[in-house]
Amino acid sequence: MTLRRRSFLQLATSAVALPAVSRTALAQSYPKRPVKLIVTVPAGGSPDIIGRLIAKWLSEKLGQNFLVENKPGASTNLGTELALKAAPSGDTLLLAMSSNAINPALYTHLNFNFIRDAEPVASISTIPLVMVVHPSVAAKTVPEFIALAKSEPGKLNIASGGTGTPLFVAAALFKMMADVKLTDVLYQGEGAAYPDLLSGRTQAMFGVMPAALPYIRAGKLRALAVTSAKAQPELPGVPPVAQFLPGYEALGWYGIVAPKGTPKDVVEVLNKQVNAALADPAMRKRFTDLGCDVFTGTPADFEKFIRSETEKWAKVIKFAGVKPN
């Protein structure tokens, strides 16, 4: 072999190896700067707590600060837009939530398209809801509630935290599958709905489990069913809605996404660390204490889940007759 040929082969081999070396170096050096994790709700709620738990883990494991920035407003659309329009460098991330799969059917003039503009990184958890009624309601089971609703169409009021919230779409899915008419009563957030529900001015609600549990345990509300596919250990003896309406499932969920085009190796680093956090016994207990079920997988798994949720809630919102804004 001539010297010229040997030199050519060496250069060719180096050229093939360079992308792999560069990718490895990128993964090992990430992050070079503090990373923003945008949370689209105010500080203090479950999403904020979840965001801070993950940010703390990533800070400790990756040797750089991951800082939560709360950017509430416009039904989570404000913070979502800020995150998705950031540079795709891995320096800005978004705590994605179920509202990101619901909003596309409600808001037709957004300055972003979540499916198109988000790079799925890692799923984190799901959080079931619980169907509760005021004790004065003459129904102790889901079938009894359906029968009561059919006997008095529109008479029963069902509260929610506002159009497009997981509480609202869970109720809409129930009405669609049970073929019942209930009157929606909308509030500015779940917390604002509880006084009327506890007084009996509204009769039912699909509530986030951590918020509803104290009232259930105190006997102030009656739990009829949970919205997860399986029963929840925190509510022994309370069946899933799906036991009576096969296929019913309505969950809040959380995960991490980045702007589209974020380097795949950065996505892989983050996915690996989020999954490691969710495998840690102490972290899992923190999520269980919040009423969450950990939900791990690959970025591709998370993307498939987001697409499925978006399609599902678009159909439910259309059924509910909610006009897009």
Protein backbone atom coordinates (compact mmCIF):
# COMPACT_ATOMS: atom_id res chain seq x y z
CA MET A 1 0.00 0.00 0.00
CA THR A 2 1.47 3.39 -0.96
CA LEU A 3 1.95 6.19 1.52
CA ARG A 4 -0.62 8.29 -0.33
CA ARG A 5 -3.22 5.51 -0.11
CA ARG A 6 -2.49 4.88 3.58
CA SER A 7 -2.90 8.61 4.30
CA PHE A 8 -6.19 8.73 2.40
CA LEU A 9 -7.58 5.75 4.34
CA GLN A 10 -6.51 7.28 7.65
CA LEU A 11 -8.26 10.54 6.76
CA ALA A 12 -11.40 8.69 5.66
CA THR A 13 -11.47 6.67 8.89
CA SER A 14 -11.06 9.85 10.94
CA ALA A 15 -13.89 11.54 9.03
CA VAL A 16 -16.26 8.64 9.81
CA ALA A 17 -15.32 8.63 13.50
CA LEU A 18 -15.56 12.41 13.96
CA PRO A 19 -19.36 12.71 14.25
CA ALA A 20 -19.46 10.01 16.93
CA VAL A 21 -16.63 11.67 18.87
CA SER A 22 -18.33 15.07 18.54
CA ARG A 23 -21.63 13.67 19.75
CA THR A 24 -19.94 12.02 22.73
CA ALA A 25 -18.14 15.25 23.58
CA LEU A 26 -21.43 17.18 23.36
CA ALA A 27 -23.19 14.77 25.68
CA GLN A 28 -20.31 14.83 28.17
CA SER A 29 -20.10 18.64 28.19
CA TYR A 30 -23.85 19.32 28.56
CA PRO A 31 -24.91 21.55 30.16
CA LYS A 32 -22.31 24.29 29.88
CA ARG A 33 -24.62 26.96 31.31
CA PRO A 34 -27.52 27.10 33.77
CA VAL A 35 -30.70 25.60 32.28
CA LYS A 36 -34.18 27.14 32.57
CA LEU A 37 -37.11 24.81 33.22
CA ILE A 38 -40.26 26.78 32.45
CA VAL A 39 -43.33 25.82 34.49
CA THR A 40 -46.55 27.27 33.09
CA VAL A 41 -48.45 27.61 36.38
CA PRO A 42 -47.82 29.67 39.55
CA ALA A 43 -45.46 28.47 42.25
CA GLY A 44 -46.78 26.16 44.92
CA GLY A 45 -49.03 23.76 43.03
CA SER A 46 -48.34 20.15 42.09
CA PRO A 47 -46.77 21.00 38.68
CA ASP A 48 -44.40 23.47 40.34
CA ILE A 49 -43.40 20.92 42.99
CA ILE A 50 -42.80 18.27 40.33
CA GLY A 51 -40.73 20.68 38.24
CA ARG A 52 -38.57 21.59 41.24
CA LEU A 53 -38.03 17.95 42.21
CA ILE A 54 -36.76 17.13 38.71
CA ALA A 55 -34.71 20.34 38.48
CA LYS A 56 -32.97 19.57 41.78
CA TRP A 57 -32.11 16.04 40.62
CA LEU A 58 -30.73 17.26 37.28
CA SER A 59 -28.69 19.96 39.01
CA GLU A 60 -27.08 17.42 41.29
CA LYS A 61 -26.43 14.79 38.62
CA LEU A 62 -25.30 17.02 35.74
CA GLY A 63 -23.25 19.52 37.74
CA GLN A 64 -25.05 22.65 36.54
CA ASN A 65 -28.00 24.61 37.86
CA PHE A 66 -31.46 23.77 36.50
CA LEU A 67 -33.64 26.71 37.49
CA VAL A 68 -37.43 26.68 37.55
CA GLU A 69 -39.06 29.78 36.05
CA ASN A 70 -42.81 30.11 36.63
CA LYS A 71 -44.50 31.65 33.59
CA PRO A 72 -48.27 31.34 34.13
CA GLY A 73 -50.87 32.88 31.88
CA ALA A 74 -53.20 32.24 28.94
CA SER A 75 -54.11 28.73 30.09
CA THR A 76 -50.43 27.65 30.06
CA ASN A 77 -49.97 28.95 26.49
CA LEU A 78 -47.78 31.89 27.50
CA GLY A 79 -45.04 29.83 29.11
CA THR A 80 -45.32 27.14 26.46
CA GLU A 81 -44.67 29.66 23.69
CA LEU A 82 -41.69 31.15 25.51
CA ALA A 83 -40.13 27.72 25.92
CA LEU A 84 -40.76 26.43 22.41
CA LYS A 85 -39.44 29.60 20.76
CA ALA A 86 -36.17 29.48 22.70
CA ALA A 87 -32.94 28.43 21.02
CA PRO A 88 -32.81 24.62 20.60
CA SER A 89 -29.63 24.28 22.63
CA GLY A 90 -30.89 22.43 25.69
CA ASP A 91 -30.61 25.62 27.77
CA THR A 92 -34.42 26.02 27.94
CA LEU A 93 -36.83 23.22 28.77
CA LEU A 94 -40.57 23.06 29.43
CA LEU A 95 -42.51 21.12 32.01
CA ALA A 96 -45.19 19.86 29.63
CA MET A 97 -48.63 19.03 31.02
CA SER A 98 -51.93 17.57 29.91
CA SER A 99 -53.12 21.09 28.99
CA ASN A 100 -50.61 21.00 26.12
CA ALA A 101 -52.63 18.14 24.59
CA ILE A 102 -55.99 19.78 25.32
CA ASN A 103 -55.33 23.34 24.20
CA PRO A 104 -54.79 22.67 20.46
CA ALA A 105 -58.50 21.90 20.15
CA LEU A 106 -59.48 25.04 22.07
CA TYR A 107 -57.13 27.68 20.69
CA THR A 108 -56.84 27.88 16.92
CA HIS A 109 -54.74 31.04 16.74
CA LEU A 110 -51.74 30.07 18.83
CA ASN A 111 -48.30 31.24 17.74
CA PHE A 112 -46.98 27.70 18.05
CA ASN A 113 -47.95 24.14 17.24
CA PHE A 114 -47.09 21.92 20.17
CA ILE A 115 -46.73 18.70 18.17
CA ARG A 116 -44.59 20.40 15.53
CA ASP A 117 -42.50 22.67 17.76
CA ALA A 118 -41.79 20.47 20.81
CA GLU A 119 -39.00 17.92 21.09
CA PRO A 120 -40.23 15.24 23.54
CA VAL A 121 -37.54 14.49 26.12
CA ALA A 122 -38.97 12.41 28.95
CA SER A 123 -42.32 11.55 30.50
CA ILE A 124 -42.46 11.98 34.27
CA SER A 125 -45.77 11.00 35.78
CA THR A 126 -49.50 10.70 35.45
CA ILE A 127 -51.95 11.85 38.08
CA PRO A 128 -55.43 10.33 38.30
CA LEU A 129 -58.60 12.20 39.08
CA VAL A 130 -61.39 11.01 41.31
CA MET A 131 -65.11 11.36 40.63
CA VAL A 132 -66.69 12.78 43.76
CA VAL A 133 -70.22 13.75 44.71
CA HIS A 134 -71.77 15.68 47.58
CA PRO A 135 -73.14 13.27 50.24
CA SER A 136 -76.67 14.49 49.52
CA VAL A 137 -76.54 12.93 46.05
CA ALA A 138 -78.59 9.73 46.01
CA ALA A 139 -75.94 7.69 44.22
CA LYS A 140 -73.25 5.55 45.79
CA THR A 141 -71.91 4.01 42.59
CA VAL A 142 -71.23 5.12 39.03
CA PRO A 143 -74.17 3.10 37.63
CA GLU A 144 -76.48 4.72 40.19
CA PHE A 145 -75.14 8.16 39.26
CA ILE A 146 -75.71 7.49 35.55
CA ALA A 147 -79.24 6.29 36.25
CA LEU A 148 -79.94 9.40 38.35
CA ALA A 149 -78.54 11.70 35.64
CA LYS A 150 -80.69 10.03 32.98
CA SER A 151 -83.80 10.32 35.10
CA GLU A 152 -83.27 14.09 35.52
CA PRO A 153 -81.36 15.33 32.44
CA GLY A 154 -79.36 18.49 33.15
CA LYS A 155 -80.46 18.78 36.76
CA LEU A 156 -77.15 17.64 38.25
CA ASN A 157 -74.41 20.27 38.23
CA ILE A 158 -70.83 19.18 37.66
CA ALA A 159 -68.07 21.58 38.68
CA SER A 160 -64.68 22.02 37.04
CA GLY A 161 -61.68 24.31 37.13
CA GLY A 162 -62.61 25.90 33.81
CA THR A 163 -62.93 25.07 30.13
CA GLY A 164 -60.06 22.96 28.88
CA THR A 165 -58.78 21.87 32.27
CA PRO A 166 -58.28 18.14 32.90
CA LEU A 167 -61.28 18.31 35.25
CA PHE A 168 -63.47 19.70 32.47
CA VAL A 169 -62.43 17.21 29.78
CA ALA A 170 -62.70 14.28 32.21
CA ALA A 171 -66.33 15.26 32.81
CA ALA A 172 -66.90 15.74 29.07
CA LEU A 173 -65.53 12.27 28.34
CA PHE A 174 -67.79 10.82 31.04
CA LYS A 175 -70.86 12.53 29.58
CA MET A 176 -69.97 11.30 26.10
CA MET A 177 -69.40 7.69 27.10
CA ALA A 178 -72.29 7.47 29.60
CA ASP A 179 -74.66 9.37 27.29
CA VAL A 180 -75.87 11.65 30.08
CA LYS A 181 -76.59 15.36 30.31
CA LEU A 182 -74.96 17.23 33.19
CA THR A 183 -74.78 21.01 33.63
CA ASP A 184 -71.21 22.36 33.66
CA VAL A 185 -70.39 24.96 36.30
CA LEU A 186 -66.99 26.53 35.60
CA TYR A 187 -64.63 28.09 38.14
CA GLN A 188 -61.26 29.82 37.98
CA GLY A 189 -59.26 26.79 39.07
CA GLU A 190 -60.03 23.65 41.05
CA GLY A 191 -59.62 25.31 44.44
CA ALA A 192 -62.38 27.81 43.66
CA ALA A 193 -64.78 24.97 42.86
CA TYR A 194 -64.65 23.27 46.24
CA PRO A 195 -66.74 25.68 48.40
CA ASP A 196 -69.86 25.20 46.25
CA LEU A 197 -69.27 21.47 45.98
CA LEU A 198 -68.83 21.10 49.73
CA SER A 199 -72.01 23.10 50.37
CA GLY A 200 -74.03 21.06 47.87
CA ARG A 201 -74.68 23.92 45.43
CA THR A 202 -72.93 21.75 42.86
CA GLN A 203 -73.31 18.01 43.08
CA ALA A 204 -70.30 16.38 41.40
CA MET A 205 -66.76 16.95 40.18
CA PHE A 206 -63.74 15.14 38.79
CA GLY A 207 -61.04 16.35 41.18
CA VAL A 208 -57.30 15.90 41.27
CA MET A 209 -56.72 13.17 43.82
CA PRO A 210 -54.34 14.96 46.26
CA ALA A 211 -56.78 17.87 46.62
CA ALA A 212 -59.87 15.67 46.95
CA LEU A 213 -58.51 13.06 49.37
CA PRO A 214 -58.84 15.13 52.59
CA TYR A 215 -62.52 15.84 51.87
CA ILE A 216 -63.18 12.20 51.03
CA ARG A 217 -61.48 10.96 54.20
CA ALA A 218 -63.40 13.51 56.29
CA GLY A 219 -66.70 12.29 54.83
CA LYS A 220 -67.44 15.67 53.22
CA LEU A 221 -67.41 14.17 49.72
CA ARG A 222 -68.16 10.67 48.45
CA ALA A 223 -65.77 9.04 46.00
CA LEU A 224 -67.51 7.06 43.26
CA ALA A 225 -64.59 6.11 41.03
CA VAL A 226 -61.08 6.98 39.89
CA THR A 227 -60.24 7.95 36.33
CA SER A 228 -57.14 5.75 35.98
CA ALA A 229 -57.35 2.36 34.29
CA LYS A 230 -56.64 0.67 37.64
CA ALA A 231 -57.76 1.28 41.21
CA GLN A 232 -55.59 3.51 43.39
CA PRO A 233 -54.11 2.32 46.72
CA GLU A 234 -54.93 5.67 48.34
CA LEU A 235 -58.64 4.91 47.78
CA PRO A 236 -59.18 1.24 48.63
CA GLY A 237 -62.51 -0.07 47.43
CA VAL A 238 -63.05 2.76 44.94
CA PRO A 239 -63.21 1.25 41.43
CA PRO A 240 -62.08 2.79 38.13
CA VAL A 241 -64.71 4.45 35.94
CA ALA A 242 -63.57 2.01 33.25
CA GLN A 243 -65.14 -0.83 35.22
CA PHE A 244 -68.51 0.61 34.21
CA LEU A 245 -67.55 2.49 31.02
CA PRO A 246 -64.92 0.28 29.32
CA GLY A 247 -62.09 2.28 27.81
CA TYR A 248 -62.62 5.35 29.99
CA GLU A 249 -59.38 6.97 31.16
CA ALA A 250 -58.63 10.61 31.98
CA LEU A 251 -55.30 11.52 33.50
CA GLY A 252 -53.30 14.59 34.20
CA TRP A 253 -49.69 14.11 33.15
CA TYR A 254 -46.28 15.76 33.25
CA GLY A 255 -43.10 15.48 31.23
CA ILE A 256 -40.15 17.41 29.84
CA VAL A 257 -39.96 18.78 26.31
CA ALA A 258 -37.45 21.05 24.59
CA PRO A 259 -37.62 23.29 21.50
CA LYS A 260 -37.67 21.31 18.26
CA GLY A 261 -34.17 20.69 16.94
CA THR A 262 -32.51 20.28 20.34
CA PRO A 263 -29.53 17.94 19.75
CA LYS A 264 -30.46 14.28 20.12
CA ASP A 265 -27.53 13.63 22.43
CA VAL A 266 -28.75 16.33 24.81
CA VAL A 267 -32.21 14.77 24.71
CA GLU A 268 -30.69 11.35 25.49
CA VAL A 269 -28.72 12.72 28.45
CA LEU A 270 -31.83 14.33 29.91
CA ASN A 271 -34.01 11.29 29.27
CA LYS A 272 -31.51 9.03 31.00
CA GLN A 273 -31.34 11.26 34.05
CA VAL A 274 -35.10 11.77 34.37
CA ASN A 275 -35.64 8.01 34.16
CA ALA A 276 -32.92 7.51 36.78
CA ALA A 277 -34.69 9.99 39.06
CA LEU A 278 -37.97 8.12 38.71
CA ALA A 279 -36.22 4.82 39.52
CA ASP A 280 -34.83 6.22 42.76
CA PRO A 281 -36.90 4.94 45.74
CA ALA A 282 -36.85 8.26 47.59
CA MET A 283 -37.97 10.17 44.51
CA ARG A 284 -40.68 7.64 43.72
CA LYS A 285 -42.05 8.12 47.24
CA ARG A 286 -42.15 11.88 46.73
CA PHE A 287 -44.25 11.39 43.61
CA THR A 288 -46.50 8.85 45.32
CA ASP A 289 -47.06 11.33 48.15
CA LEU A 290 -48.24 13.82 45.52
CA GLY A 291 -50.75 11.28 44.20
CA CYS A 292 -48.72 10.65 41.04
CA ASP A 293 -47.80 7.45 39.23
CA VAL A 294 -44.32 7.58 37.69
CA PHE A 295 -44.36 7.23 33.93
CA THR A 296 -41.05 6.43 32.25
CA GLY A 297 -39.99 5.68 28.69
CA THR A 298 -38.02 6.86 25.69
CA PRO A 299 -38.50 10.19 23.91
CA ALA A 300 -40.27 8.26 21.14
CA ASP A 301 -42.64 6.72 23.70
CA PHE A 302 -43.45 10.16 25.07
CA GLU A 303 -44.04 11.59 21.59
CA LYS A 304 -46.48 8.77 20.80
CA PHE A 305 -48.30 9.40 24.08
CA ILE A 306 -48.61 13.16 23.41
CA ARG A 307 -50.02 12.54 19.93
CA SER A 308 -52.53 10.03 21.30
CA GLU A 309 -53.69 12.41 24.05
CA THR A 310 -54.02 15.31 21.59
CA GLU A 311 -56.21 13.27 19.23
CA LYS A 312 -58.32 11.91 22.08
CA TRP A 313 -59.14 15.27 23.66
CA ALA A 314 -59.84 16.90 20.30
CA LYS A 315 -62.67 14.39 19.81
CA VAL A 316 -64.02 14.94 23.33
CA ILE A 317 -63.95 18.74 23.03
CA LYS A 318 -65.76 18.54 19.71
CA PHE A 319 -68.42 16.35 21.34
CA ALA A 320 -68.73 18.81 24.23
CA GLY A 321 -69.49 21.57 21.74
CA VAL A 322 -66.81 23.88 23.06
CA LYS A 323 -66.01 26.49 20.43
CA PRO A 324 -62.29 27.10 19.79
CA ASN A 325 -60.98 30.55 20.68
